[in-house]
């Protein structure tokens, strides 16, 4: 009585609770049934997307095929051991569908750092749009930097053991560590088999709204998802209307950071998009070991963005503006450094503002 419930109302509530429990169990079973039925699919914001169709235990065996757009080595020697970045394309026969912004896993023969054979899967952001560079929906391309560390903390080749890689780089008189998966990919030849898992990832998916503005920040091979977006937005038939105009109506603005101008990636494509769509595409490069700003500071992405703080801040105030960030871990702190002063000037805290954008699904980050 103290609870305000009569015995009959208590019994009714007990029955309701039991009924709810049964209904909950039924709905959980139904959900599981749907999941079983929909293997290889995940629902993200009400939309089904391809997801882990192939696993490390049962990978897809693809083939290395010629790339219609780029040579395998994209960069030129800079004097650094790890100067090379490659663009490699695999035929997946239409069995590994994916969306722009997703990743696939690659299994190298190994052994890896922990001595595992085959090596554990390594995830790579996809650098081609969903239809692939050849627009057949049967290929996928990756942008991969060859990891080579000379006389560093780890070595998997002792002095005298290093052999020339496909690009001819070799350090016979040094202790060398070569990244197991990156070297496996960069040394691929046409016709080689490649073990593929995935696709996976929902953090970097493009917004549905064709009028969205997209600010893209990429360091090095972090350009991969950005390239996949730009191929769709500005190149592929899949991104065009029947009359040939582009479906995308917003602004795409790319900021890319590399150490040397010889390390720039896909510059020919960026220049082409800029020439064709000057009102819809902008790009700015930050070449840290060659450029300095007016204050004599090295030119990192945040240094380059600081030249356009006002424009970018205004763009971010629009509810259909998205930020996509991919690359090195320090990028988020670079954003804070760049935009804290203007946020403060407008009575806001940058960290809170960025949190708000994240909550609204407009701030997408993939760093490593």
Foldseek 3Di string as FASTA:
>chain_A
DVVPDDPVVVVVVVVVVVVVVVVVVVVVVVVVVVCVVPPQWDADPNDIFGKFPDDPVGFQKWFWADFPPDDQWFFDDDPDLQGTKGKTKTFRQLSAFHAQFWKKWWWFQDDAPVGDGRHDTDIFHWQAGRCGNVNPSGMTMGIATWDKDWPDPDAPAAQQRWDQAPVGRTDNGTGMHTHRVRSRRSRDDGGDIITMTITDDDQGGDDPDLAFEEEEEEEQSQCRSVNNVCCLQQNDPVQADPVGHGSRNYAYEYEYEYQAPSRDGPVVVLVVSCVVCVPRYYYDYQHQNPDADPVRHGGGRLNVCLVVQVVVVVSLVDLRYAYEYEEAPCVVVSVQVRHQVVQVVVVHGVVVSLVVCVVSSRYGYYHD
